[in-house]
């Protein structure tokens, strides 16, 4: 049986923590920043946990995510 391939775009977008949580970047901080307040831009800077409804899709993209620490 051949090895499963990791979806490379998914591997670049998500980070798996030591406890198994999957983190993602927040959208809205790449362009059109002139009219956004500093508070809004700062709050968009951090990582947030992925919504539970999308975990199955991400698990399919990252078959070896248990070992990617």
PDB file of N, CA and C in Angstrom:
ATOM      1  N   UNK A   1       0.847  -1.188   0.000  1.00  0.00           N
ATOM      2  CA  UNK A   1       0.000   0.000   0.000  1.00  0.00           C
ATOM      3  C   UNK A   1       0.889   1.247   0.000  1.00  0.00           C
ATOM      4  N   UNK A   2       0.685   2.165  -0.935  1.00  0.00           N
ATOM      5  CA  UNK A   2       1.539   3.357  -0.966  1.00  0.00           C
ATOM      6  C   UNK A   2       1.204   4.325   0.159  1.00  0.00           C
ATOM      7  N   UNK A   3       2.157   5.213   0.406  1.00  0.00           N
ATOM      8  CA  UNK A   3       1.931   6.233   1.432  1.00  0.00           C
ATOM      9  C   UNK A   3       0.878   7.223   0.950  1.00  0.00           C
ATOM     10  N   UNK A   4       0.154   7.815   1.913  1.00  0.00           N
ATOM     11  CA  UNK A   4      -0.808   8.865   1.573  1.00  0.00           C
ATOM     12  C   UNK A   4      -0.044  10.173   1.401  1.00  0.00           C
ATOM     13  N   UNK A   5      -0.543  11.022   0.511  1.00  0.00           N
ATOM     14  CA  UNK A   5       0.118  12.299   0.277  1.00  0.00           C
ATOM     15  C   UNK A   5      -0.551  13.398   1.073  1.00  0.00           C
ATOM     16  N   UNK A   6       0.257  14.264   1.650  1.00  0.00           N
ATOM     17  CA  UNK A   6      -0.240  15.434   2.370  1.00  0.00           C
ATOM     18  C   UNK A   6      -0.615  16.505   1.363  1.00  0.00           C
ATOM     19  N   UNK A   7      -1.732  17.170   1.589  1.00  0.00           N
ATOM     20  CA  UNK A   7      -2.143  18.298   0.757  1.00  0.00           C
ATOM     21  C   UNK A   7      -1.267  19.480   1.139  1.00  0.00           C
ATOM     22  N   UNK A   8      -0.357  19.881   0.239  1.00  0.00           N
ATOM     23  CA  UNK A   8       0.685  20.838   0.583  1.00  0.00           C
ATOM     24  C   UNK A   8       0.125  22.218   0.923  1.00  0.00           C
ATOM     25  N   UNK A   9      -0.939  22.636   0.257  1.00  0.00           N
ATOM     26  CA  UNK A   9      -1.540  23.935   0.591  1.00  0.00           C
ATOM     27  C   UNK A   9      -2.118  23.904   2.002  1.00  0.00           C
ATOM     28  N   UNK A  10      -2.718  22.782   2.380  1.00  0.00           N
ATOM     29  CA  UNK A  10      -3.250  22.646   3.731  1.00  0.00           C
ATOM     30  C   UNK A  10      -2.142  22.620   4.772  1.00  0.00           C
ATOM     31  N   UNK A  11      -1.032  21.980   4.451  1.00  0.00           N
ATOM     32  CA  UNK A  11       0.082  21.910   5.392  1.00  0.00           C
ATOM     33  C   UNK A  11       0.665  23.287   5.652  1.00  0.00           C
ATOM     34  N   UNK A  12       0.630  24.178   4.664  1.00  0.00           N
ATOM     35  CA  UNK A  12       1.146  25.529   4.844  1.00  0.00           C
ATOM     36  C   UNK A  12       0.165  26.417   5.601  1.00  0.00           C
ATOM     37  N   UNK A  13      -1.110  26.108   5.551  1.00  0.00           N
ATOM     38  CA  UNK A  13      -2.125  26.977   6.151  1.00  0.00           C
ATOM     39  C   UNK A  13      -2.402  26.682   7.610  1.00  0.00           C
ATOM     40  N   UNK A  14      -2.215  25.448   8.039  1.00  0.00           N
ATOM     41  CA  UNK A  14      -2.622  25.052   9.384  1.00  0.00           C
ATOM     42  C   UNK A  14      -1.430  24.646  10.224  1.00  0.00           C
ATOM     43  N   UNK A  15      -1.559  24.872  11.535  1.00  0.00           N
ATOM     44  CA  UNK A  15      -0.535  24.463  12.490  1.00  0.00           C
ATOM     45  C   UNK A  15      -1.203  23.566  13.514  1.00  0.00           C
ATOM     46  N   UNK A  16      -0.571  22.442  13.824  1.00  0.00           N
ATOM     47  CA  UNK A  16      -1.106  21.508  14.806  1.00  0.00           C
ATOM     48  C   UNK A  16      -0.337  21.700  16.104  1.00  0.00           C
ATOM     49  N   UNK A  17      -1.054  21.943  17.201  1.00  0.00           N
ATOM     50  CA  UNK A  17      -0.411  22.144  18.490  1.00  0.00           C
ATOM     51  C   UNK A  17      -0.069  20.796  19.124  1.00  0.00           C
ATOM     52  N   UNK A  18       0.642  20.852  20.246  1.00  0.00           N
ATOM     53  CA  UNK A  18       1.035  19.626  20.939  1.00  0.00           C
ATOM     54  C   UNK A  18      -0.177  18.874  21.478  1.00  0.00           C
ATOM     55  N   UNK A  19      -1.265  19.600  21.780  1.00  0.00           N
ATOM     56  CA  UNK A  19      -2.472  18.951  22.280  1.00  0.00           C
ATOM     57  C   UNK A  19      -3.392  18.464  21.166  1.00  0.00           C
ATOM     58  N   UNK A  20      -3.013  18.696  19.913  1.00  0.00           N
ATOM     59  CA  UNK A  20      -3.810  18.219  18.789  1.00  0.00           C
ATOM     60  C   UNK A  20      -4.783  19.230  18.233  1.00  0.00           C
ATOM     61  N   UNK A  21      -4.788  20.459  18.761  1.00  0.00           N
ATOM     62  CA  UNK A  21      -5.667  21.483  18.202  1.00  0.00           C
ATOM     63  C   UNK A  21      -5.085  21.981  16.889  1.00  0.00           C
ATOM     64  N   UNK A  22      -5.961  22.403  15.986  1.00  0.00           N
ATOM     65  CA  UNK A  22      -5.516  22.915  14.696  1.00  0.00           C
ATOM     66  C   UNK A  22      -5.774  24.413  14.683  1.00  0.00           C
ATOM     67  N   UNK A  23      -4.729  25.187  14.381  1.00  0.00           N
ATOM     68  CA  UNK A  23      -4.828  26.637  14.357  1.00  0.00           C
ATOM     69  C   UNK A  23      -4.748  27.133  12.921  1.00  0.00           C
ATOM     70  N   UNK A  24      -5.372  28.282  12.673  1.00  0.00           N
ATOM     71  CA  UNK A  24      -5.340  28.916  11.360  1.00  0.00           C
ATOM     72  C   UNK A  24      -5.151  30.417  11.549  1.00  0.00           C
ATOM     73  N   UNK A  25      -4.736  31.086  10.489  1.00  0.00           N
ATOM     74  CA  UNK A  25      -4.645  32.542  10.510  1.00  0.00           C
ATOM     75  C   UNK A  25      -6.014  33.132  10.253  1.00  0.00           C
ATOM     76  N   UNK A  26      -6.219  34.356  10.699  1.00  0.00           N
ATOM     77  CA  UNK A  26      -7.492  35.014  10.464  1.00  0.00           C
ATOM     78  C   UNK A  26      -7.451  35.761   9.126  1.00  0.00           C
ATOM     79  N   UNK A  27      -8.580  35.802   8.475  1.00  0.00           N
ATOM     80  CA  UNK A  27      -8.679  36.479   7.190  1.00  0.00           C
ATOM     81  C   UNK A  27      -8.827  37.978   7.395  1.00  0.00           C
ATOM     82  N   UNK A  28      -8.449  38.767   6.385  1.00  0.00           N
ATOM     83  CA  UNK A  28      -8.733  40.184   6.391  1.00  0.00           C
ATOM     84  C   UNK A  28      -7.566  41.073   6.741  1.00  0.00           C
ATOM     85  N   UNK A  29      -6.330  40.572   6.673  1.00  0.00           N
ATOM     86  CA  UNK A  29      -5.201  41.417   7.035  1.00  0.00           C
ATOM     87  C   UNK A  29      -4.164  41.519   5.923  1.00  0.00           C
ATOM     88  N   UNK A  30      -4.535  41.223   4.708  1.00  0.00           N
ATOM     89  CA  UNK A  30      -3.570  41.281   3.616  1.00  0.00           C
ATOM     90  C   UNK A  30      -3.616  42.619   2.859  1.00  0.00           C
ATOM     91  N   UNK A  31      -4.797  43.125   2.587  1.00  0.00           N
ATOM     92  CA  UNK A  31      -4.897  44.366   1.822  1.00  0.00           C
ATOM     93  C   UNK A  31      -6.157  45.097   2.252  1.00  0.00           C
ATOM     94  N   UNK A  32      -6.372  46.290   1.700  1.00  0.00           N
ATOM     95  CA  UNK A  32      -7.484  47.174   2.071  1.00  0.00           C
ATOM     96  C   UNK A  32      -7.440  47.492   3.564  1.00  0.00           C
ATOM     97  N   UNK A  33      -6.259  47.842   4.054  1.00  0.00           N
ATOM     98  CA  UNK A  33      -6.074  48.066   5.483  1.00  0.00           C
ATOM     99  C   UNK A  33      -6.248  49.523   5.890  1.00  0.00           C
ATOM    100  N   UNK A  34      -6.368  50.423   4.914  1.00  0.00           N
ATOM    101  CA  UNK A  34      -6.397  51.852   5.238  1.00  0.00           C
ATOM    102  C   UNK A  34      -7.588  52.259   6.073  1.00  0.00           C
ATOM    103  N   UNK A  35      -8.738  51.683   5.837  1.00  0.00           N
ATOM    104  CA  UNK A  35      -9.939  52.098   6.555  1.00  0.00           C
ATOM    105  C   UNK A  35     -10.185  51.291   7.823  1.00  0.00           C
ATOM    106  N   UNK A  36      -9.366  50.276   8.086  1.00  0.00           N
ATOM    107  CA  UNK A  36      -9.550  49.461   9.282  1.00  0.00           C
ATOM    108  C   UNK A  36      -8.801  50.096  10.449  1.00  0.00           C
ATOM    109  N   UNK A  37      -9.397  50.016  11.633  1.00  0.00           N
ATOM    110  CA  UNK A  37      -8.778  50.619  12.801  1.00  0.00           C
ATOM    111  C   UNK A  37      -7.576  49.782  13.253  1.00  0.00           C
ATOM    112  N   UNK A  38      -6.691  50.423  14.018  1.00  0.00           N
ATOM    113  CA  UNK A  38      -5.520  49.721  14.535  1.00  0.00           C
ATOM    114  C   UNK A  38      -5.937  48.579  15.449  1.00  0.00           C
ATOM    115  N   UNK A  39      -6.978  48.790  16.228  1.00  0.00           N
ATOM    116  CA  UNK A  39      -7.466  47.745  17.129  1.00  0.00           C
ATOM    117  C   UNK A  39      -7.930  46.526  16.331  1.00  0.00           C
ATOM    118  N   UNK A  40      -8.631  46.782  15.246  1.00  0.00           N
ATOM    119  CA  UNK A  40      -9.122  45.682  14.411  1.00  0.00           C
ATOM    120  C   UNK A  40      -7.969  44.929  13.755  1.00  0.00           C
ATOM    121  N   UNK A  41      -6.976  45.675  13.258  1.00  0.00           N
ATOM    122  CA  UNK A  41      -5.842  45.026  12.613  1.00  0.00           C
ATOM    123  C   UNK A  41      -5.012  44.227  13.603  1.00  0.00           C
ATOM    124  N   UNK A  42      -4.858  44.741  14.826  1.00  0.00           N
ATOM    125  CA  UNK A  42      -4.105  43.999  15.840  1.00  0.00           C
ATOM    126  C   UNK A  42      -4.825  42.712  16.231  1.00  0.00           C
ATOM    127  N   UNK A  43      -6.135  42.778  16.345  1.00  0.00           N
ATOM    128  CA  UNK A  43      -6.880  41.587  16.740  1.00  0.00           C
ATOM    129  C   UNK A  43      -6.882  40.531  15.641  1.00  0.00           C
ATOM    130  N   UNK A  44      -6.691  40.942  14.398  1.00  0.00           N
ATOM    131  CA  UNK A  44      -6.625  39.978  13.294  1.00  0.00           C
ATOM    132  C   UNK A  44      -5.259  39.304  13.186  1.00  0.00           C
ATOM    133  N   UNK A  45      -4.302  39.736  13.989  1.00  0.00           N
ATOM    134  CA  UNK A  45      -2.939  39.237  13.855  1.00  0.00           C
ATOM    135  C   UNK A  45      -2.723  37.840  14.383  1.00  0.00           C
ATOM    136  N   UNK A  46      -3.476  37.413  15.380  1.00  0.00           N
ATOM    137  CA  UNK A  46      -3.188  36.139  16.027  1.00  0.00           C
ATOM    138  C   UNK A  46      -3.776  34.943  15.302  1.00  0.00           C
ATOM    139  N   UNK A  47      -3.464  33.789  15.851  1.00  0.00           N
ATOM    140  CA  UNK A  47      -4.001  32.540  15.324  1.00  0.00           C
ATOM    141  C   UNK A  47      -5.249  32.175  16.118  1.00  0.00           C
ATOM    142  N   UNK A  48      -6.202  31.524  15.463  1.00  0.00           N
ATOM    143  CA  UNK A  48      -7.426  31.075  16.118  1.00  0.00           C
ATOM    144  C   UNK A  48      -7.625  29.599  15.810  1.00  0.00           C
ATOM    145  N   UNK A  49      -8.409  28.946  16.638  1.00  0.00           N
ATOM    146  CA  UNK A  49      -8.680  27.529  16.452  1.00  0.00           C
ATOM    147  C   UNK A  49      -9.683  27.328  15.314  1.00  0.00           C
ATOM    148  N   UNK A  50      -9.523  26.247  14.583  1.00  0.00           N
ATOM    149  CA  UNK A  50     -10.399  25.922  13.464  1.00  0.00           C
ATOM    150  C   UNK A  50     -11.768  25.497  13.993  1.00  0.00           C
ATOM    151  N   UNK A  51     -12.815  25.893  13.282  1.00  0.00           N
ATOM    152  CA  UNK A  51     -14.181  25.534  13.629  1.00  0.00           C
ATOM    153  C   UNK A  51     -14.357  24.024  13.551  1.00  0.00           C
ATOM    154  N   UNK A  52     -15.111  23.473  14.500  1.00  0.00           N
ATOM    155  CA  UNK A  52     -15.280  22.014  14.591  1.00  0.00           C
ATOM    156  C   UNK A  52     -15.865  21.405  13.326  1.00  0.00           C
ATOM    157  N   UNK A  53     -16.722  22.139  12.637  1.00  0.00           N
ATOM    158  CA  UNK A  53     -17.353  21.603  11.435  1.00  0.00           C
ATOM    159  C   UNK A  53     -16.393  21.377  10.293  1.00  0.00           C
ATOM    160  N   UNK A  54     -15.212  22.011  10.340  1.00  0.00           N
ATOM    161  CA  UNK A  54     -14.235  21.869   9.258  1.00  0.00           C
ATOM    162  C   UNK A  54     -13.119  20.887   9.585  1.00  0.00           C
ATOM    163  N   UNK A  55     -13.133  20.302  10.762  1.00  0.00           N
ATOM    164  CA  UNK A  55     -12.026  19.435  11.166  1.00  0.00           C
ATOM    165  C   UNK A  55     -11.912  18.189  10.295  1.00  0.00           C
ATOM    166  N   UNK A  56     -13.032  17.647   9.833  1.00  0.00           N
ATOM    167  CA  UNK A  56     -12.978  16.454   8.988  1.00  0.00           C
ATOM    168  C   UNK A  56     -12.283  16.739   7.667  1.00  0.00           C
ATOM    169  N   UNK A  57     -12.561  17.897   7.086  1.00  0.00           N
ATOM    170  CA  UNK A  57     -11.917  18.271   5.823  1.00  0.00           C
ATOM    171  C   UNK A  57     -10.418  18.429   6.002  1.00  0.00           C
ATOM    172  N   UNK A  58     -10.024  19.065   7.100  1.00  0.00           N
ATOM    173  CA  UNK A  58      -8.602  19.297   7.332  1.00  0.00           C
ATOM    174  C   UNK A  58      -7.895  17.986   7.654  1.00  0.00           C
ATOM    175  N   UNK A  59      -8.567  17.101   8.358  1.00  0.00           N
ATOM    176  CA  UNK A  59      -7.968  15.800   8.667  1.00  0.00           C
ATOM    177  C   UNK A  59      -7.713  15.001   7.393  1.00  0.00           C
ATOM    178  N   UNK A  60      -8.547  15.181   6.381  1.00  0.00           N
ATOM    179  CA  UNK A  60      -8.318  14.516   5.098  1.00  0.00           C
ATOM    180  C   UNK A  60      -7.108  15.111   4.391  1.00  0.00           C
ATOM    181  N   UNK A  61      -6.910  16.431   4.534  1.00  0.00           N
ATOM    182  CA  UNK A  61      -5.772  17.083   3.883  1.00  0.00           C
ATOM    183  C   UNK A  61      -4.452  16.735   4.569  1.00  0.00           C
ATOM    184  N   UNK A  62      -4.503  16.526   5.892  1.00  0.00           N
ATOM    185  CA  UNK A  62      -3.290  16.269   6.665  1.00  0.00           C
ATOM    186  C   UNK A  62      -3.365  14.879   7.304  1.00  0.00           C
ATOM    187  N   UNK A  63      -3.108  13.832   6.540  1.00  0.00           N
ATOM    188  CA  UNK A  63      -3.270  12.482   7.088  1.00  0.00           C
ATOM    189  C   UNK A  63      -2.269  12.173   8.201  1.00  0.00           C
ATOM    190  N   UNK A  64      -1.135  12.865   8.230  1.00  0.00           N
ATOM    191  CA  UNK A  64      -0.112  12.583   9.234  1.00  0.00           C
ATOM    192  C   UNK A  64      -0.007  13.704  10.261  1.00  0.00           C
ATOM    193  N   UNK A  65      -1.108  14.404  10.536  1.00  0.00           N
ATOM    194  CA  UNK A  65      -1.025  15.570  11.415  1.00  0.00           C
ATOM    195  C   UNK A  65      -0.682  15.205  12.849  1.00  0.00           C
ATOM    196  N   UNK A  66      -0.886  13.961  13.255  1.00  0.00           N
ATOM    197  CA  UNK A  66      -0.514  13.556  14.605  1.00  0.00           C
ATOM    198  C   UNK A  66       0.991  13.606  14.788  1.00  0.00           C
ATOM    199  N   UNK A  67       1.739  13.476  13.710  1.00  0.00           N
ATOM    200  CA  UNK A  67       3.184  13.388  13.788  1.00  0.00           C
ATOM    201  C   UNK A  67       3.873  14.666  13.340  1.00  0.00           C
ATOM    202  N   UNK A  68       3.113  15.717  13.015  1.00  0.00           N
ATOM    203  CA  UNK A  68       3.728  16.920  12.420  1.00  0.00           C
ATOM    204  C   UNK A  68       4.004  17.976  13.477  1.00  0.00           C
ATOM    205  N   UNK A  69       4.615  17.590  14.592  1.00  0.00           N
ATOM    206  CA  UNK A  69       4.927  18.564  15.636  1.00  0.00           C
ATOM    207  C   UNK A  69       6.362  19.000  15.551  1.00  0.00           C
TER     208      UNK A  69
END
